[in-house]
Protein backbone atom coordinates (compact mmCIF):
# COMPACT_ATOMS: atom_id res chain seq x y z
CA UNK A 1 0.00 0.00 0.00
CA UNK A 2 1.31 3.42 -0.96
CA UNK A 3 2.36 5.42 2.04
CA UNK A 4 1.46 9.06 2.64
CA UNK A 5 4.61 9.73 4.61
CA UNK A 6 7.02 12.50 3.73
CA UNK A 7 10.16 14.19 5.17
CA UNK A 8 9.19 15.99 8.36
CA UNK A 9 10.45 19.17 10.02
CA UNK A 10 9.85 20.11 13.65
CA UNK A 11 9.28 23.04 15.95
CA UNK A 12 12.38 23.62 18.11
CA UNK A 13 12.22 23.30 21.90
CA UNK A 14 14.32 25.85 23.78
CA UNK A 15 15.77 25.24 27.25
CA UNK A 16 17.02 28.00 29.53
CA UNK A 17 20.19 26.99 31.41
CA UNK A 18 22.31 28.88 33.93
CA UNK A 19 25.32 28.04 31.76
CA UNK A 20 23.59 28.93 28.47
CA UNK A 21 24.41 31.81 26.16
CA UNK A 22 23.05 33.38 22.97
CA UNK A 23 24.89 31.62 20.15
CA UNK A 24 21.83 29.62 19.13
CA UNK A 25 20.20 32.93 18.15
CA UNK A 26 22.99 33.46 15.60
CA UNK A 27 21.76 30.33 13.79
CA UNK A 28 18.45 32.08 13.07
CA UNK A 29 16.28 31.09 16.05
CA UNK A 30 14.20 33.38 18.26
CA UNK A 31 13.79 32.02 21.78
CA UNK A 32 12.71 35.20 23.55
CA UNK A 33 11.91 35.73 26.38
CA UNK A 34 14.47 33.13 27.54
CA UNK A 35 17.58 35.00 28.69
CA UNK A 36 20.09 32.16 28.22
CA UNK A 37 19.29 29.37 25.80
CA UNK A 38 21.62 26.51 26.69
CA UNK A 39 19.87 23.83 24.64
CA UNK A 40 17.67 23.64 21.58
CA UNK A 41 16.05 20.25 21.19
CA UNK A 42 15.79 19.73 17.44
CA UNK A 43 14.15 16.29 17.65
CA UNK A 44 12.79 14.75 20.83
CA UNK A 45 10.34 12.07 21.93
CA UNK A 46 10.97 12.63 25.65
CA UNK A 47 7.71 12.72 27.62
CA UNK A 48 6.35 16.27 27.93
CA UNK A 49 9.07 17.40 25.49
CA UNK A 50 7.88 15.77 22.28
CA UNK A 51 8.80 17.49 19.03
CA UNK A 52 5.84 18.84 17.06
CA UNK A 53 5.80 18.41 13.28
CA UNK A 54 5.80 21.76 11.49
CA UNK A 55 5.08 20.83 7.85
CA UNK A 56 2.71 18.77 5.73
CA UNK A 57 -0.58 17.15 6.66
CA UNK A 58 0.87 15.84 9.94
CA UNK A 59 1.57 19.41 11.09
CA UNK A 60 0.84 19.98 14.80
CA UNK A 61 1.12 16.26 15.58
CA UNK A 62 4.00 15.00 17.71
CA UNK A 63 6.71 12.65 16.49
CA UNK A 64 5.28 9.95 18.77
CA UNK A 65 1.79 10.35 17.32
CA UNK A 66 3.18 9.94 13.80
CA UNK A 67 5.13 6.87 14.91
CA UNK A 68 2.02 5.24 16.39
CA UNK A 69 0.30 5.53 13.01
CA UNK A 70 3.11 4.73 10.59
CA UNK A 71 5.22 2.36 12.71
CA UNK A 72 7.79 0.53 10.57
CA UNK A 73 7.20 2.77 7.57
CA UNK A 74 8.61 5.62 9.63
CA UNK A 75 11.17 3.89 11.86
CA UNK A 76 12.14 0.87 9.73
CA UNK A 77 10.59 -2.56 10.15
CA UNK A 78 13.37 -4.07 12.27
CA UNK A 79 13.83 -0.89 14.29
CA UNK A 80 10.10 -0.75 14.97
CA UNK A 81 10.04 -4.36 16.20
CA UNK A 82 12.83 -3.41 18.57
CA UNK A 83 11.88 0.08 19.78
CA UNK A 84 8.11 0.05 19.26
CA UNK A 85 6.45 3.44 19.61
CA UNK A 86 9.45 4.98 21.37
CA UNK A 87 11.44 7.14 18.95
CA UNK A 88 14.99 6.14 19.92
CA UNK A 89 17.04 9.35 19.48
CA UNK A 90 17.30 12.79 21.04
CA UNK A 91 19.07 15.45 18.97
CA UNK A 92 20.14 18.79 20.45
CA UNK A 93 22.10 21.94 19.74
CA UNK A 94 24.00 23.02 22.88
CA UNK A 95 25.47 26.45 23.66
CA UNK A 96 27.87 26.22 26.59
CA UNK A 97 28.53 29.81 27.64
CA UNK A 98 29.91 28.50 30.93
CA UNK A 99 31.14 25.14 32.22
CA UNK A 100 28.55 22.39 32.51
CA UNK A 101 28.54 20.11 35.53
CA UNK A 102 30.82 17.09 35.59
CA UNK A 103 28.44 14.20 35.00
CA UNK A 104 27.92 10.63 33.88
CA UNK A 105 25.08 8.66 32.28
CA UNK A 106 24.02 5.08 33.11
CA UNK A 107 24.11 2.32 30.53
CA UNK A 108 20.95 0.43 29.59
CA UNK A 109 21.49 -2.38 32.08
CA UNK A 110 21.84 -0.05 35.06
CA UNK A 111 19.02 2.20 33.82
CA UNK A 112 16.64 -0.76 33.59
CA UNK A 113 17.58 -1.92 37.08
CA UNK A 114 16.59 1.55 38.28
CA UNK A 115 13.28 1.61 36.46
CA UNK A 116 14.41 3.90 33.63
CA UNK A 117 13.61 3.30 29.98
CA UNK A 118 17.23 3.24 28.84
CA UNK A 119 20.68 4.62 29.43
CA UNK A 120 22.45 7.29 27.45
CA UNK A 121 25.31 6.94 25.00
CA UNK A 122 25.97 10.12 23.04
CA UNK A 123 28.31 11.96 20.70
CA UNK A 124 29.29 15.59 20.16
CA UNK A 125 30.01 17.37 16.88
CA UNK A 126 31.71 20.70 17.61
CA UNK A 127 30.18 23.45 15.48
CA UNK A 128 32.06 26.37 17.06
CA UNK A 129 34.86 26.35 19.63
CA UNK A 130 36.15 29.59 21.12
CA UNK A 131 39.89 29.94 21.50
CA UNK A 132 40.99 28.10 24.63
CA UNK A 133 37.76 26.11 25.00
CA UNK A 134 38.04 22.82 26.88
CA UNK A 135 35.95 19.77 27.68
CA UNK A 136 36.21 16.82 30.06
CA UNK A 137 36.36 13.34 28.49
CA UNK A 138 37.02 10.63 31.07
CA UNK A 139 39.88 10.22 33.54
CA UNK A 140 43.52 10.91 32.65
CA UNK A 141 44.78 7.88 34.59
CA UNK A 142 43.04 4.74 35.80
CA UNK A 143 41.67 4.96 39.31
CA UNK A 144 39.52 2.61 41.33
CA UNK A 145 36.25 3.26 43.08
CA UNK A 146 37.79 3.83 46.52
CA UNK A 147 40.34 6.28 45.14
CA UNK A 148 37.59 8.12 43.30
CA UNK A 149 35.46 8.51 46.42
CA UNK A 150 38.41 9.89 48.40
CA UNK A 151 39.32 12.34 45.62
CA UNK A 152 35.71 13.50 45.35
CA UNK A 153 35.43 13.99 49.13
CA UNK A 154 38.60 16.11 49.11
CA UNK A 155 37.20 18.32 46.32
CA UNK A 156 40.03 17.33 43.96
CA UNK A 157 38.04 15.68 41.18
CA UNK A 158 39.21 18.19 38.57
CA UNK A 159 42.82 17.08 39.15
CA UNK A 160 42.21 13.57 37.75
CA UNK A 161 40.11 14.44 34.70
CA UNK A 162 41.26 14.11 31.09
CA UNK A 163 40.95 17.49 29.36
CA UNK A 164 40.53 17.96 25.62
CA UNK A 165 40.92 21.22 23.68
CA UNK A 166 38.30 20.92 20.92
CA UNK A 167 38.33 22.72 17.60
CA UNK A 168 35.64 23.30 14.99
CA UNK A 169 34.59 20.01 13.40
CA UNK A 170 35.93 17.78 16.17
CA UNK A 171 33.92 14.71 17.14
CA UNK A 172 33.73 13.09 20.59
CA UNK A 173 31.98 9.81 21.30
CA UNK A 174 30.80 9.52 24.91
CA UNK A 175 29.69 5.97 25.79
CA UNK A 176 27.46 5.50 28.82
CA UNK A 177 29.64 5.36 31.93
CA UNK A 178 32.25 7.86 30.80
CA UNK A 179 32.59 10.89 33.06
CA UNK A 180 32.38 14.07 30.97
CA UNK A 181 31.58 17.79 30.85
CA UNK A 182 31.46 20.60 28.33
CA UNK A 183 33.55 23.67 29.00
CA UNK A 184 32.87 27.33 28.28
CA UNK A 185 32.78 28.58 24.69
CA UNK A 186 31.33 25.60 22.78
CA UNK A 187 28.45 25.36 20.33
CA UNK A 188 27.77 21.79 19.28
CA UNK A 189 25.34 19.17 18.04
CA UNK A 190 24.60 16.31 20.42
CA UNK A 191 23.26 12.98 19.17
CA UNK A 192 22.14 10.57 21.88
CA UNK A 193 19.84 7.82 22.98
CA UNK A 194 16.38 9.08 23.86
CA UNK A 195 17.01 9.71 27.54
CA UNK A 196 17.12 12.73 29.81
CA UNK A 197 18.88 10.91 32.66
CA UNK A 198 22.03 12.60 33.93
CA UNK A 199 23.92 12.01 37.18
CA UNK A 200 25.54 15.29 38.21
CA UNK A 201 28.75 14.59 40.14
CA UNK A 202 30.33 17.98 40.66
CA UNK A 203 29.18 21.50 39.79
CA UNK A 204 31.97 23.82 40.95
CA UNK A 205 29.87 24.80 44.02
CA UNK A 206 27.67 26.80 41.65
CA UNK A 207 24.29 28.08 42.97
CA UNK A 208 21.04 27.67 41.10
CA UNK A 209 18.71 30.52 40.14
CA UNK A 210 17.49 30.62 43.74
CA UNK A 211 20.98 30.92 45.17
CA UNK A 212 21.03 27.35 46.50
CA UNK A 213 23.57 24.63 45.59
CA UNK A 214 22.49 22.61 42.57
CA UNK A 215 21.44 19.02 43.26
CA UNK A 216 24.16 16.39 42.91
CA UNK A 217 23.77 12.65 42.28
CA UNK A 218 27.07 11.36 43.63
CA UNK A 219 25.61 8.16 45.10
CA UNK A 220 23.59 7.31 41.98
CA UNK A 221 26.64 7.92 39.80
CA UNK A 222 28.94 5.47 41.61
CA UNK A 223 27.65 2.32 39.91
CA UNK A 224 27.49 4.07 36.54
CA UNK A 225 31.11 5.26 36.27
CA UNK A 226 33.71 3.58 34.05
CA UNK A 227 37.01 4.34 35.82
CA UNK A 228 39.28 3.49 32.86
CA UNK A 229 41.31 6.37 31.37
CA UNK A 230 40.97 8.24 28.09
CA UNK A 231 44.09 9.29 26.18
CA UNK A 232 42.82 10.80 22.91
CA UNK A 233 39.10 11.42 23.02
CA UNK A 234 38.61 12.59 19.44
CA UNK A 235 37.13 10.41 16.74
CA UNK A 236 39.58 11.09 13.93
CA UNK A 237 38.27 11.39 10.39
CA UNK A 238 39.03 13.06 7.09
CA UNK A 239 36.56 14.13 4.46
CA UNK A 240 36.14 15.44 0.95
CA UNK A 241 33.26 17.44 -0.44
CA UNK A 242 30.07 15.68 -1.54
CA UNK A 243 30.99 12.40 0.12
CA UNK A 244 29.57 10.52 3.10
CA UNK A 245 32.12 10.30 5.93
CA UNK A 246 31.45 8.17 9.00
CA UNK A 247 31.97 10.00 12.28
CA UNK A 248 30.63 7.48 14.80
CA UNK A 249 28.94 4.09 14.66
CA UNK A 250 27.46 2.03 17.48
CA UNK A 251 24.29 -0.02 18.11
CA UNK A 252 22.45 3.17 19.11
CA UNK A 253 23.21 5.39 16.11
CA UNK A 254 25.38 5.92 13.08
CA UNK A 255 26.39 9.51 12.35
CA UNK A 256 27.96 10.63 9.08
CA UNK A 257 29.20 14.02 7.90
CA UNK A 258 28.28 15.36 4.47
CA UNK A 259 29.99 18.52 3.23
CA UNK A 260 28.03 19.82 0.23
CA UNK A 261 28.92 22.25 -2.51
CA UNK A 262 26.66 20.70 -5.16
CA UNK A 263 23.60 18.47 -5.39
CA UNK A 264 23.96 14.89 -4.16
CA UNK A 265 21.70 11.82 -4.56
CA UNK A 266 21.72 8.92 -2.11
CA UNK A 267 20.15 5.45 -2.29
CA UNK A 268 18.84 3.81 0.91
CA UNK A 269 17.03 0.75 -0.44
CA UNK A 270 19.23 -1.53 1.71
CA UNK A 271 18.90 0.50 4.93
CA UNK A 272 15.95 -0.41 7.12
CA UNK A 273 15.95 2.87 9.05
CA UNK A 274 14.74 6.45 9.14
CA UNK A 275 17.38 9.08 8.36
CA UNK A 276 17.75 12.43 10.11
CA UNK A 277 19.61 15.27 8.40
CA UNK A 278 20.81 17.94 10.82
CA UNK A 279 22.26 21.05 9.19
CA UNK A 280 25.28 22.37 11.08
CA UNK A 281 26.47 25.07 8.69
CA UNK A 282 24.99 27.00 5.78
CA UNK A 283 21.65 26.52 4.02
CA UNK A 284 20.58 23.21 2.49
CA UNK A 285 17.52 21.27 1.36
CA UNK A 286 16.42 17.65 1.60
CA UNK A 287 14.17 16.15 -1.08
CA UNK A 288 12.50 12.75 -0.78
CA UNK A 289 9.06 11.22 -1.40
CA UNK A 290 8.18 14.22 -3.62
CA UNK A 291 8.70 16.70 -0.77
CA UNK A 292 11.43 19.34 -0.46
CA UNK A 293 12.44 20.62 3.00
CA UNK A 294 14.79 23.63 3.19
CA UNK A 295 16.88 23.81 6.38
CA UNK A 296 19.45 26.13 7.90
CA UNK A 297 22.01 25.49 10.64
CA UNK A 298 20.36 23.94 13.68
CA UNK A 299 17.32 22.59 11.83
CA UNK A 300 16.74 18.93 11.01
CA UNK A 301 14.61 16.81 8.67
CA UNK A 302 13.38 13.29 9.43
CA UNK A 303 13.20 11.14 6.29
CA UNK A 304 10.95 8.08 6.84
CA UNK A 305 12.35 4.59 6.36
CA UNK A 306 10.10 3.96 3.33
CA UNK A 307 12.15 6.46 1.31
CA UNK A 308 14.43 4.70 -1.17
CA UNK A 309 16.29 7.80 -2.29
CA UNK A 310 17.22 11.19 -0.89
CA UNK A 311 18.49 14.23 -2.78
CA UNK A 312 20.51 16.88 -1.01
CA UNK A 313 20.94 20.46 -2.20
CA UNK A 314 22.77 23.50 -0.90
CA UNK A 315 22.84 27.25 -1.31
CA UNK A 316 26.57 27.75 -1.18
CA UNK A 317 28.73 25.41 0.95
CA UNK A 318 26.80 23.56 3.65
CA UNK A 319 27.43 20.84 6.22
CA UNK A 320 24.98 18.21 7.42
CA UNK A 321 25.04 15.33 9.86
CA UNK A 322 23.31 12.20 8.56
CA UNK A 323 21.97 10.07 11.41
CA UNK A 324 20.24 6.68 11.44
CA UNK A 325 20.10 3.39 13.36
CA UNK A 326 21.49 0.39 11.50
CA UNK A 327 19.55 -2.63 12.81
CA UNK A 328 22.38 -5.00 11.87
CA UNK A 329 24.44 -3.50 14.71
CA UNK A 330 21.99 -4.48 17.44
CA UNK A 331 20.21 -7.43 15.80
CA UNK A 332 21.03 -10.83 17.29
CA UNK A 333 22.60 -9.11 20.29
CA UNK A 334 20.96 -7.27 23.16
CA UNK A 335 21.09 -3.52 22.82
CA UNK A 336 20.51 -3.53 26.58
CA UNK A 337 24.13 -4.52 27.06
CA UNK A 338 26.09 -1.78 25.37
CA UNK A 339 29.28 -3.06 26.96
CA UNK A 340 29.04 -6.11 24.68
CA UNK A 341 29.86 -3.81 21.77
CA UNK A 342 33.61 -3.55 21.22
CA UNK A 343 34.06 0.17 21.83
CA UNK A 344 37.84 -0.21 21.98
CA UNK A 345 38.06 -1.86 18.57
CA UNK A 346 35.68 0.70 17.09
CA UNK A 347 37.15 3.84 18.57
CA UNK A 348 40.70 2.94 19.66
CA UNK A 349 40.26 3.89 23.31
CA UNK A 350 42.73 2.89 25.98
């Protein structure tokens, strides 16, 4: 039966954060009256934060409502059998105008033991990095749980953290369990499992908007932390224009970079998945299923799984992230045990 699906755009969701700034406005978004927009959720199925479709006959419906109707046609048949009516990704633009808290996310196994839907593995694509910007990506040397608790109690956690100095275009893959934090002066795209669970470990004794210390989750974080060290946190890649370059691949998502300076046609007849195109620079357009969706930096388009082909266009040079879930990476193995995936072989971590 012929489907009525088409590429979908969404209304952005803006989140005020004490560490947020105003760089997201420079992408062409108006989030007034928020004073400091730290996050823009470009695509979300989180309860009470569901993205609303902004184009076509499904306009004003949420992503979850569309998924309930179109199921495997939207998500991919295998992905729908696995995830059901839960759209599996959360995609954000983050403006860190100040340091974010040092934090960690649980993996699926721990999340399920605690009654949560799933854990959170994520990746960052750095869109803009101010000179001298830093981020935390794991520990610089291996420590054990007892040593960690003593260091934390002494207020010396920052002394054992691995610090990276990101530049524009850098990619960081943050598996569940890795301690991490964004530093001041970063604008980035974040691709992650659909989860809003974060265990805040340390927040520089920073008060909240009411002048009180922000809540910490030091006890909850203990069982989530991977204490192994990180040496080089970047995912190294090289690219050429009008090609598809893999940035990160895991059972939860595959993310590619496409740098466009002319039209490009892609065939997805062998991929049983939706595809999200997130523009990170310039102005572009996505055409599929007889629908054209123009997008600028920070906007995304969801192409349903029933689409066999996608055409990409640009108005001058443009960059896009191409995101999907390859069911062959989780099929025949439990996605609830992310540690079964060989992160070291895939990403060369110590």
